[in-house]
Amino acid sequence: MKVENEGLRRILSRYAEQAEATKSKEAKEAQKKRESAEAEAEAEADEVVVSDRARELQRAHQRLDEIAAARKAKVETIRKDLETGTYKVSGDMVARKLLRPS
């Protein structure tokens, strides 16, 4: 004679299913945490901090580039005027520049 306890088997089966579902859920949560931590680490690694001194130097370089470009344009204008013979300088301006204190 074989005695079967169908009720006990169903309870154990449901318990096993719940345990498997819990393990699966915990595994998914752990994976999400790992991915989140990796994304955070990547975001932190990409951060750049520029000091005030570096910003100041950058502005100075930009200003020097602007001055150099303006000077180059002025020299080019004078060069063209010299080539065409239209460059005129007043004697007063030359004298003022020569006598101007440095």
PDB file of N, CA and C in Angstrom:
ATOM      1  N   MET A   1       0.836  -1.158   0.000  1.00  0.00           N
ATOM      2  CA  MET A   1       0.000   0.000   0.000  1.00  0.00           C
ATOM      3  C   MET A   1       0.895   1.241   0.000  1.00  0.00           C
ATOM      4  N   LYS A   2       0.557   2.155  -0.902  1.00  0.00           N
ATOM      5  CA  LYS A   2       1.343   3.381  -1.076  1.00  0.00           C
ATOM      6  C   LYS A   2       0.528   4.552  -0.544  1.00  0.00           C
ATOM      7  N   VAL A   3       1.135   5.318   0.343  1.00  0.00           N
ATOM      8  CA  VAL A   3       0.457   6.472   0.925  1.00  0.00           C
ATOM      9  C   VAL A   3       1.038   7.722   0.268  1.00  0.00           C
ATOM     10  N   GLU A   4       0.167   8.504  -0.314  1.00  0.00           N
ATOM     11  CA  GLU A   4       0.610   9.743  -0.957  1.00  0.00           C
ATOM     12  C   GLU A   4      -0.012  10.923  -0.214  1.00  0.00           C
ATOM     13  N   ASN A   5       0.786  11.913  -0.063  1.00  0.00           N
ATOM     14  CA  ASN A   5       0.293  13.112   0.603  1.00  0.00           C
ATOM     15  C   ASN A   5       0.368  14.249  -0.409  1.00  0.00           C
ATOM     16  N   GLU A   6      -0.680  14.381  -1.192  1.00  0.00           N
ATOM     17  CA  GLU A   6      -0.734  15.374  -2.267  1.00  0.00           C
ATOM     18  C   GLU A   6      -0.671  16.796  -1.710  1.00  0.00           C
ATOM     19  N   GLY A   7      -1.273  17.055  -0.617  1.00  0.00           N
ATOM     20  CA  GLY A   7      -1.269  18.391  -0.008  1.00  0.00           C
ATOM     21  C   GLY A   7       0.131  18.822   0.382  1.00  0.00           C
ATOM     22  N   LEU A   8       0.876  17.910   0.971  1.00  0.00           N
ATOM     23  CA  LEU A   8       2.248  18.223   1.366  1.00  0.00           C
ATOM     24  C   LEU A   8       3.126  18.486   0.147  1.00  0.00           C
ATOM     25  N   ARG A   9       2.905  17.700  -0.920  1.00  0.00           N
ATOM     26  CA  ARG A   9       3.685  17.885  -2.145  1.00  0.00           C
ATOM     27  C   ARG A   9       3.405  19.267  -2.757  1.00  0.00           C
ATOM     28  N   ARG A  10       2.154  19.697  -2.769  1.00  0.00           N
ATOM     29  CA  ARG A  10       1.815  21.021  -3.314  1.00  0.00           C
ATOM     30  C   ARG A  10       2.449  22.139  -2.480  1.00  0.00           C
ATOM     31  N   ILE A  11       2.425  21.994  -1.179  1.00  0.00           N
ATOM     32  CA  ILE A  11       3.019  23.008  -0.298  1.00  0.00           C
ATOM     33  C   ILE A  11       4.518  23.097  -0.541  1.00  0.00           C
ATOM     34  N   LEU A  12       5.181  21.953  -0.624  1.00  0.00           N
ATOM     35  CA  LEU A  12       6.628  21.949  -0.886  1.00  0.00           C
ATOM     36  C   LEU A  12       6.950  22.515  -2.266  1.00  0.00           C
ATOM     37  N   SER A  13       6.102  22.214  -3.232  1.00  0.00           N
ATOM     38  CA  SER A  13       6.306  22.727  -4.590  1.00  0.00           C
ATOM     39  C   SER A  13       6.192  24.253  -4.603  1.00  0.00           C
ATOM     40  N   ARG A  14       5.174  24.775  -3.952  1.00  0.00           N
ATOM     41  CA  ARG A  14       5.004  26.237  -3.891  1.00  0.00           C
ATOM     42  C   ARG A  14       6.157  26.893  -3.133  1.00  0.00           C
ATOM     43  N   TYR A  15       6.580  26.285  -2.072  1.00  0.00           N
ATOM     44  CA  TYR A  15       7.712  26.806  -1.303  1.00  0.00           C
ATOM     45  C   TYR A  15       8.965  26.862  -2.177  1.00  0.00           C
ATOM     46  N   ALA A  16       9.202  25.814  -2.962  1.00  0.00           N
ATOM     47  CA  ALA A  16      10.362  25.770  -3.860  1.00  0.00           C
ATOM     48  C   ALA A  16      10.253  26.853  -4.930  1.00  0.00           C
ATOM     49  N   GLU A  17       9.045  27.063  -5.472  1.00  0.00           N
ATOM     50  CA  GLU A  17       8.836  28.107  -6.484  1.00  0.00           C
ATOM     51  C   GLU A  17       9.109  29.495  -5.891  1.00  0.00           C
ATOM     52  N   GLN A  18       8.612  29.727  -4.682  1.00  0.00           N
ATOM     53  CA  GLN A  18       8.838  31.017  -4.028  1.00  0.00           C
ATOM     54  C   GLN A  18      10.317  31.241  -3.743  1.00  0.00           C
ATOM     55  N   ALA A  19      10.986  30.192  -3.306  1.00  0.00           N
ATOM     56  CA  ALA A  19      12.420  30.313  -3.028  1.00  0.00           C
ATOM     57  C   ALA A  19      13.179  30.631  -4.311  1.00  0.00           C
ATOM     58  N   GLU A  20      12.815  29.987  -5.415  1.00  0.00           N
ATOM     59  CA  GLU A  20      13.460  30.242  -6.712  1.00  0.00           C
ATOM     60  C   GLU A  20      13.175  31.668  -7.177  1.00  0.00           C
ATOM     61  N   ALA A  21      11.930  32.124  -7.009  1.00  0.00           N
ATOM     62  CA  ALA A  21      11.567  33.485  -7.403  1.00  0.00           C
ATOM     63  C   ALA A  21      12.342  34.506  -6.576  1.00  0.00           C
ATOM     64  N   THR A  22      12.497  34.250  -5.294  1.00  0.00           N
ATOM     65  CA  THR A  22      13.241  35.155  -4.418  1.00  0.00           C
ATOM     66  C   THR A  22      14.706  35.219  -4.835  1.00  0.00           C
ATOM     67  N   LYS A  23      15.292  34.059  -5.137  1.00  0.00           N
ATOM     68  CA  LYS A  23      16.692  34.030  -5.583  1.00  0.00           C
ATOM     69  C   LYS A  23      16.851  34.798  -6.889  1.00  0.00           C
ATOM     70  N   SER A  24      15.912  34.600  -7.803  1.00  0.00           N
ATOM     71  CA  SER A  24      15.969  35.285  -9.092  1.00  0.00           C
ATOM     72  C   SER A  24      15.853  36.797  -8.904  1.00  0.00           C
ATOM     73  N   LYS A  25      14.927  37.208  -8.035  1.00  0.00           N
ATOM     74  CA  LYS A  25      14.735  38.637  -7.769  1.00  0.00           C
ATOM     75  C   LYS A  25      15.985  39.243  -7.135  1.00  0.00           C
ATOM     76  N   GLU A  26      16.581  38.551  -6.182  1.00  0.00           N
ATOM     77  CA  GLU A  26      17.799  39.030  -5.527  1.00  0.00           C
ATOM     78  C   GLU A  26      18.950  39.122  -6.519  1.00  0.00           C
ATOM     79  N   ALA A  27      19.031  38.152  -7.417  1.00  0.00           N
ATOM     80  CA  ALA A  27      20.093  38.172  -8.428  1.00  0.00           C
ATOM     81  C   ALA A  27      19.924  39.373  -9.356  1.00  0.00           C
ATOM     82  N   LYS A  28      18.672  39.657  -9.752  1.00  0.00           N
ATOM     83  CA  LYS A  28      18.414  40.807 -10.621  1.00  0.00           C
ATOM     84  C   LYS A  28      18.764  42.116  -9.915  1.00  0.00           C
ATOM     85  N   GLU A  29      18.394  42.230  -8.640  1.00  0.00           N
ATOM     86  CA  GLU A  29      18.705  43.437  -7.876  1.00  0.00           C
ATOM     87  C   GLU A  29      20.210  43.618  -7.720  1.00  0.00           C
ATOM     88  N   ALA A  30      20.916  42.529  -7.475  1.00  0.00           N
ATOM     89  CA  ALA A  30      22.374  42.599  -7.347  1.00  0.00           C
ATOM     90  C   ALA A  30      22.997  43.043  -8.664  1.00  0.00           C
ATOM     91  N   GLN A  31      22.476  42.537  -9.783  1.00  0.00           N
ATOM     92  CA  GLN A  31      22.987  42.925 -11.101  1.00  0.00           C
ATOM     93  C   GLN A  31      22.739  44.415 -11.341  1.00  0.00           C
ATOM     94  N   LYS A  32      21.554  44.899 -10.981  1.00  0.00           N
ATOM     95  CA  LYS A  32      21.245  46.321 -11.152  1.00  0.00           C
ATOM     96  C   LYS A  32      22.189  47.186 -10.323  1.00  0.00           C
ATOM     97  N   LYS A  33      22.462  46.751  -9.086  1.00  0.00           N
ATOM     98  CA  LYS A  33      23.373  47.504  -8.222  1.00  0.00           C
ATOM     99  C   LYS A  33      24.768  47.557  -8.825  1.00  0.00           C
ATOM    100  N   ARG A  34      25.229  46.418  -9.365  1.00  0.00           N
ATOM    101  CA  ARG A  34      26.563  46.389  -9.992  1.00  0.00           C
ATOM    102  C   ARG A  34      26.616  47.329 -11.190  1.00  0.00           C
ATOM    103  N   GLU A  35      25.582  47.274 -12.028  1.00  0.00           N
ATOM    104  CA  GLU A  35      25.541  48.143 -13.204  1.00  0.00           C
ATOM    105  C   GLU A  35      25.494  49.611 -12.793  1.00  0.00           C
ATOM    106  N   SER A  36      24.716  49.907 -11.765  1.00  0.00           N
ATOM    107  CA  SER A  36      24.617  51.279 -11.271  1.00  0.00           C
ATOM    108  C   SER A  36      25.963  51.761 -10.739  1.00  0.00           C
ATOM    109  N   ALA A  37      26.639  50.906  -9.990  1.00  0.00           N
ATOM    110  CA  ALA A  37      27.951  51.266  -9.439  1.00  0.00           C
ATOM    111  C   ALA A  37      28.964  51.476 -10.553  1.00  0.00           C
ATOM    112  N   GLU A  38      28.916  50.636 -11.586  1.00  0.00           N
ATOM    113  CA  GLU A  38      29.833  50.789 -12.719  1.00  0.00           C
ATOM    114  C   GLU A  38      29.560  52.095 -13.458  1.00  0.00           C
ATOM    115  N   ALA A  39      28.288  52.413 -13.668  1.00  0.00           N
ATOM    116  CA  ALA A  39      27.931  53.656 -14.354  1.00  0.00           C
ATOM    117  C   ALA A  39      28.379  54.863 -13.541  1.00  0.00           C
ATOM    118  N   GLU A  40      28.218  54.794 -12.229  1.00  0.00           N
ATOM    119  CA  GLU A  40      28.664  55.880 -11.354  1.00  0.00           C
ATOM    120  C   GLU A  40      30.171  56.057 -11.427  1.00  0.00           C
ATOM    121  N   ALA A  41      30.889  54.945 -11.421  1.00  0.00           N
ATOM    122  CA  ALA A  41      32.350  55.001 -11.486  1.00  0.00           C
ATOM    123  C   ALA A  41      32.797  55.616 -12.801  1.00  0.00           C
ATOM    124  N   GLU A  42      32.129  55.260 -13.897  1.00  0.00           N
ATOM    125  CA  GLU A  42      32.471  55.838 -15.198  1.00  0.00           C
ATOM    126  C   GLU A  42      32.192  57.332 -15.212  1.00  0.00           C
ATOM    127  N   ALA A  43      31.062  57.743 -14.651  1.00  0.00           N
ATOM    128  CA  ALA A  43      30.706  59.163 -14.626  1.00  0.00           C
ATOM    129  C   ALA A  43      31.717  59.952 -13.808  1.00  0.00           C
ATOM    130  N   GLU A  44      32.155  59.404 -12.689  1.00  0.00           N
ATOM    131  CA  GLU A  44      33.136  60.094 -11.861  1.00  0.00           C
ATOM    132  C   GLU A  44      34.482  60.164 -12.555  1.00  0.00           C
ATOM    133  N   ALA A  45      34.837  59.160 -13.307  1.00  0.00           N
ATOM    134  CA  ALA A  45      36.125  59.131 -13.986  1.00  0.00           C
ATOM    135  C   ALA A  45      36.182  60.172 -15.099  1.00  0.00           C
ATOM    136  N   ASP A  46      35.032  60.562 -15.653  1.00  0.00           N
ATOM    137  CA  ASP A  46      34.995  61.498 -16.765  1.00  0.00           C
ATOM    138  C   ASP A  46      34.989  62.955 -16.320  1.00  0.00           C
ATOM    139  N   GLU A  47      34.982  63.207 -15.049  1.00  0.00           N
ATOM    140  CA  GLU A  47      34.895  64.569 -14.537  1.00  0.00           C
ATOM    141  C   GLU A  47      36.252  65.264 -14.629  1.00  0.00           C
ATOM    142  N   VAL A  48      36.225  66.512 -15.081  1.00  0.00           N
ATOM    143  CA  VAL A  48      37.441  67.313 -15.188  1.00  0.00           C
ATOM    144  C   VAL A  48      37.252  68.567 -14.350  1.00  0.00           C
ATOM    145  N   VAL A  49      38.253  68.893 -13.558  1.00  0.00           N
ATOM    146  CA  VAL A  49      38.197  70.092 -12.728  1.00  0.00           C
ATOM    147  C   VAL A  49      39.318  71.019 -13.184  1.00  0.00           C
ATOM    148  N   VAL A  50      38.936  72.234 -13.569  1.00  0.00           N
ATOM    149  CA  VAL A  50      39.907  73.213 -14.042  1.00  0.00           C
ATOM    150  C   VAL A  50      40.067  74.271 -12.953  1.00  0.00           C
ATOM    151  N   SER A  51      41.289  74.525 -12.566  1.00  0.00           N
ATOM    152  CA  SER A  51      41.542  75.493 -11.499  1.00  0.00           C
ATOM    153  C   SER A  51      41.341  76.917 -12.008  1.00  0.00           C
ATOM    154  N   ASP A  52      41.222  77.841 -11.075  1.00  0.00           N
ATOM    155  CA  ASP A  52      41.073  79.250 -11.437  1.00  0.00           C
ATOM    156  C   ASP A  52      42.294  79.733 -12.204  1.00  0.00           C
ATOM    157  N   ARG A  53      43.453  79.274 -11.800  1.00  0.00           N
ATOM    158  CA  ARG A  53      44.699  79.667 -12.471  1.00  0.00           C
ATOM    159  C   ARG A  53      44.698  79.185 -13.923  1.00  0.00           C
ATOM    160  N   ALA A  54      44.224  77.979 -14.156  1.00  0.00           N
ATOM    161  CA  ALA A  54      44.167  77.442 -15.515  1.00  0.00           C
ATOM    162  C   ALA A  54      43.198  78.254 -16.371  1.00  0.00           C
ATOM    163  N   ARG A  55      42.050  78.640 -15.790  1.00  0.00           N
ATOM    164  CA  ARG A  55      41.097  79.471 -16.532  1.00  0.00           C
ATOM    165  C   ARG A  55      41.713  80.823 -16.869  1.00  0.00           C
ATOM    166  N   GLU A  56      42.437  81.378 -15.920  1.00  0.00           N
ATOM    167  CA  GLU A  56      43.099  82.664 -16.123  1.00  0.00           C
ATOM    168  C   GLU A  56      44.112  82.564 -17.264  1.00  0.00           C
ATOM    169  N   LEU A  57      44.894  81.500 -17.263  1.00  0.00           N
ATOM    170  CA  LEU A  57      45.878  81.296 -18.331  1.00  0.00           C
ATOM    171  C   LEU A  57      45.195  81.105 -19.679  1.00  0.00           C
ATOM    172  N   GLN A  58      44.086  80.394 -19.690  1.00  0.00           N
ATOM    173  CA  GLN A  58      43.357  80.181 -20.933  1.00  0.00           C
ATOM    174  C   GLN A  58      42.851  81.512 -21.497  1.00  0.00           C
ATOM    175  N   ARG A  59      42.304  82.370 -20.628  1.00  0.00           N
ATOM    176  CA  ARG A  59      41.839  83.686 -21.083  1.00  0.00           C
ATOM    177  C   ARG A  59      43.003  84.524 -21.614  1.00  0.00           C
ATOM    178  N   ALA A  60      44.159  84.446 -20.950  1.00  0.00           N
ATOM    179  CA  ALA A  60      45.332  85.198 -21.400  1.00  0.00           C
ATOM    180  C   ALA A  60      45.775  84.722 -22.778  1.00  0.00           C
ATOM    181  N   HIS A  61      45.770  83.408 -22.994  1.00  0.00           N
ATOM    182  CA  HIS A  61      46.141  82.874 -24.313  1.00  0.00           C
ATOM    183  C   HIS A  61      45.158  83.338 -25.386  1.00  0.00           C
ATOM    184  N   GLN A  62      43.872  83.331 -25.065  1.00  0.00           N
ATOM    185  CA  GLN A  62      42.876  83.788 -26.028  1.00  0.00           C
ATOM    186  C   GLN A  62      43.085  85.259 -26.366  1.00  0.00           C
ATOM    187  N   ARG A  63      43.366  86.066 -25.352  1.00  0.00           N
ATOM    188  CA  ARG A  63      43.595  87.499 -25.575  1.00  0.00           C
ATOM    189  C   ARG A  63      44.833  87.720 -26.438  1.00  0.00           C
ATOM    190  N   LEU A  64      45.896  86.972 -26.161  1.00  0.00           N
ATOM    191  CA  LEU A  64      47.110  87.082 -26.976  1.00  0.00           C
ATOM    192  C   LEU A  64      46.840  86.699 -28.426  1.00  0.00           C
ATOM    193  N   ASP A  65      46.040  85.672 -28.632  1.00  0.00           N
ATOM    194  CA  ASP A  65      45.684  85.272 -29.995  1.00  0.00           C
ATOM    195  C   ASP A  65      44.916  86.381 -30.703  1.00  0.00           C
ATOM    196  N   GLU A  66      44.001  87.046 -29.972  1.00  0.00           N
ATOM    197  CA  GLU A  66      43.240  88.149 -30.553  1.00  0.00           C
ATOM    198  C   GLU A  66      44.161  89.306 -30.924  1.00  0.00           C
ATOM    199  N   ILE A  67      45.089  89.634 -30.031  1.00  0.00           N
ATOM    200  CA  ILE A  67      46.033  90.732 -30.290  1.00  0.00           C
ATOM    201  C   ILE A  67      46.906  90.401 -31.494  1.00  0.00           C
ATOM    202  N   ALA A  68      47.390  89.162 -31.551  1.00  0.00           N
ATOM    203  CA  ALA A  68      48.241  88.752 -32.673  1.00  0.00           C
ATOM    204  C   ALA A  68      47.476  88.839 -33.989  1.00  0.00           C
ATOM    205  N   ALA A  69      46.207  88.460 -33.990  1.00  0.00           N
ATOM    206  CA  ALA A  69      45.399  88.521 -35.208  1.00  0.00           C
ATOM    207  C   ALA A  69      45.190  89.974 -35.635  1.00  0.00           C
ATOM    208  N   ALA A  70      44.931  90.867 -34.670  1.00  0.00           N
ATOM    209  CA  ALA A  70      44.740  92.283 -34.988  1.00  0.00           C
ATOM    210  C   ALA A  70      46.033  92.884 -35.527  1.00  0.00           C
ATOM    211  N   ARG A  71      47.143  92.526 -34.908  1.00  0.00           N
ATOM    212  CA  ARG A  71      48.451  93.034 -35.352  1.00  0.00           C
ATOM    213  C   ARG A  71      48.751  92.557 -36.769  1.00  0.00           C
ATOM    214  N   LYS A  72      48.449  91.294 -37.037  1.00  0.00           N
ATOM    215  CA  LYS A  72      48.693  90.730 -38.367  1.00  0.00           C
ATOM    216  C   LYS A  72      47.857  91.467 -39.414  1.00  0.00           C
ATOM    217  N   ALA A  73      46.602  91.771 -39.081  1.00  0.00           N
ATOM    218  CA  ALA A  73      45.736  92.498 -40.011  1.00  0.00           C
ATOM    219  C   ALA A  73      46.282  93.901 -40.268  1.00  0.00           C
ATOM    220  N   LYS A  74      46.776  94.559 -39.215  1.00  0.00           N
ATOM    221  CA  LYS A  74      47.337  95.908 -39.359  1.00  0.00           C
ATOM    222  C   LYS A  74      48.579  95.883 -40.246  1.00  0.00           C
ATOM    223  N   VAL A  75      49.454  94.912 -40.017  1.00  0.00           N
ATOM    224  CA  VAL A  75      50.677  94.787 -40.825  1.00  0.00           C
ATOM    225  C   VAL A  75      50.319  94.517 -42.280  1.00  0.00           C
ATOM    226  N   GLU A  76      49.331  93.672 -42.512  1.00  0.00           N
ATOM    227  CA  GLU A  76      48.923  93.349 -43.884  1.00  0.00           C
ATOM    228  C   GLU A  76      48.359  94.585 -44.589  1.00  0.00           C
ATOM    229  N   THR A  77      47.593  95.394 -43.865  1.00  0.00           N
ATOM    230  CA  THR A  77      47.048  96.625 -44.445  1.00  0.00           C
ATOM    231  C   THR A  77      48.172  97.581 -44.837  1.00  0.00           C
ATOM    232  N   ILE A  78      49.144  97.767 -43.963  1.00  0.00           N
ATOM    233  CA  ILE A  78      50.275  98.657 -44.258  1.00  0.00           C
ATOM    234  C   ILE A  78      51.079  98.115 -45.435  1.00  0.00           C
ATOM    235  N   ARG A  79      51.276  96.799 -45.480  1.00  0.00           N
ATOM    236  CA  ARG A  79      52.030  96.188 -46.582  1.00  0.00           C
ATOM    237  C   ARG A  79      51.341  96.464 -47.927  1.00  0.00           C
ATOM    238  N   LYS A  80      50.018  96.323 -47.968  1.00  0.00           N
ATOM    239  CA  LYS A  80      49.280  96.581 -49.208  1.00  0.00           C
ATOM    240  C   LYS A  80      49.385  98.049 -49.608  1.00  0.00           C
ATOM    241  N   ASP A  81      49.272  98.938 -48.593  1.00  0.00           N
ATOM    242  CA  ASP A  81      49.391 100.369 -48.880  1.00  0.00           C
ATOM    243  C   ASP A  81      50.781 100.703 -49.422  1.00  0.00           C
ATOM    244  N   LEU A  82      51.818 100.085 -48.870  1.00  0.00           N
ATOM    245  CA  LEU A  82      53.181 100.317 -49.363  1.00  0.00           C
ATOM    246  C   LEU A  82      53.337  99.828 -50.798  1.00  0.00           C
ATOM    247  N   GLU A  83      52.764  98.665 -51.108  1.00  0.00           N
ATOM    248  CA  GLU A  83      52.873  98.110 -52.463  1.00  0.00           C
ATOM    249  C   GLU A  83      52.148  98.968 -53.485  1.00  0.00           C
ATOM    250  N   THR A  84      51.024  99.544 -53.089  1.00  0.00           N
ATOM    251  CA  THR A  84      50.257 100.362 -54.031  1.00  0.00           C
ATOM    252  C   THR A  84      50.693 101.822 -54.028  1.00  0.00           C
ATOM    253  N   GLY A  85      51.528 102.184 -53.062  1.00  0.00           N
ATOM    254  CA  GLY A  85      52.012 103.558 -52.996  1.00  0.00           C
ATOM    255  C   GLY A  85      51.045 104.504 -52.322  1.00  0.00           C
ATOM    256  N   THR A  86      50.102 104.002 -51.595  1.00  0.00           N
ATOM    257  CA  THR A  86      49.108 104.851 -50.937  1.00  0.00           C
ATOM    258  C   THR A  86      49.377 105.028 -49.449  1.00  0.00           C
ATOM    259  N   TYR A  87      50.481 104.528 -48.953  1.00  0.00           N
ATOM    260  CA  TYR A  87      50.789 104.646 -47.529  1.00  0.00           C
ATOM    261  C   TYR A  87      51.275 106.059 -47.252  1.00  0.00           C
ATOM    262  N   LYS A  88      50.584 106.760 -46.360  1.00  0.00           N
ATOM    263  CA  LYS A  88      50.929 108.144 -46.024  1.00  0.00           C
ATOM    264  C   LYS A  88      51.128 108.246 -44.519  1.00  0.00           C
ATOM    265  N   VAL A  89      52.214 108.883 -44.125  1.00  0.00           N
ATOM    266  CA  VAL A  89      52.496 109.107 -42.714  1.00  0.00           C
ATOM    267  C   VAL A  89      52.772 110.591 -42.547  1.00  0.00           C
ATOM    268  N   SER A  90      52.107 111.206 -41.566  1.00  0.00           N
ATOM    269  CA  SER A  90      52.341 112.631 -41.344  1.00  0.00           C
ATOM    270  C   SER A  90      53.609 112.799 -40.512  1.00  0.00           C
ATOM    271  N   GLY A  91      54.315 113.878 -40.749  1.00  0.00           N
ATOM    272  CA  GLY A  91      55.535 114.175 -40.006  1.00  0.00           C
ATOM    273  C   GLY A  91      55.256 114.369 -38.524  1.00  0.00           C
ATOM    274  N   ASP A  92      54.120 114.988 -38.203  1.00  0.00           N
ATOM    275  CA  ASP A  92      53.756 115.186 -36.795  1.00  0.00           C
ATOM    276  C   ASP A  92      53.629 113.846 -36.061  1.00  0.00           C
ATOM    277  N   MET A  93      53.009 112.870 -36.711  1.00  0.00           N
ATOM    278  CA  MET A  93      52.813 111.574 -36.067  1.00  0.00           C
ATOM    279  C   MET A  93      54.156 110.883 -35.832  1.00  0.00           C
ATOM    280  N   VAL A  94      55.065 110.974 -36.800  1.00  0.00           N
ATOM    281  CA  VAL A  94      56.388 110.358 -36.643  1.00  0.00           C
ATOM    282  C   VAL A  94      57.132 111.037 -35.497  1.00  0.00           C
ATOM    283  N   ALA A  95      57.087 112.388 -35.445  1.00  0.00           N
ATOM    284  CA  ALA A  95      57.786 113.123 -34.391  1.00  0.00           C
ATOM    285  C   ALA A  95      57.215 112.771 -33.012  1.00  0.00           C
ATOM    286  N   ARG A  96      55.884 112.690 -32.894  1.00  0.00           N
ATOM    287  CA  ARG A  96      55.282 112.337 -31.607  1.00  0.00           C
ATOM    288  C   ARG A  96      55.694 110.939 -31.160  1.00  0.00           C
ATOM    289  N   LYS A  97      55.739 110.025 -32.081  1.00  0.00           N
ATOM    290  CA  LYS A  97      56.114 108.647 -31.728  1.00  0.00           C
ATOM    291  C   LYS A  97      57.584 108.569 -31.321  1.00  0.00           C
ATOM    292  N   LEU A  98      58.436 109.359 -31.987  1.00  0.00           N
ATOM    293  CA  LEU A  98      59.862 109.341 -31.657  1.00  0.00           C
ATOM    294  C   LEU A  98      60.126 109.975 -30.295  1.00  0.00           C
ATOM    295  N   LEU A  99      59.383 111.030 -29.963  1.00  0.00           N
ATOM    296  CA  LEU A  99      59.619 111.753 -28.722  1.00  0.00           C
ATOM    297  C   LEU A  99      58.803 111.221 -27.540  1.00  0.00           C
ATOM    298  N   ARG A 100      57.933 110.285 -27.793  1.00  0.00           N
ATOM    299  CA  ARG A 100      57.095 109.728 -26.732  1.00  0.00           C
ATOM    300  C   ARG A 100      57.949 108.909 -25.765  1.00  0.00           C
ATOM    301  N   PRO A 101      57.751 109.136 -24.445  1.00  0.00           N
ATOM    302  CA  PRO A 101      58.516 108.338 -23.475  1.00  0.00           C
ATOM    303  C   PRO A 101      58.046 106.880 -23.510  1.00  0.00           C
ATOM    304  N   SER A 102      58.968 106.002 -23.302  1.00  0.00           N
ATOM    305  CA  SER A 102      58.647 104.573 -23.383  1.00  0.00           C
ATOM    306  C   SER A 102      57.804 104.156 -22.263  1.00  0.00           C
TER     307      SER A 102
END
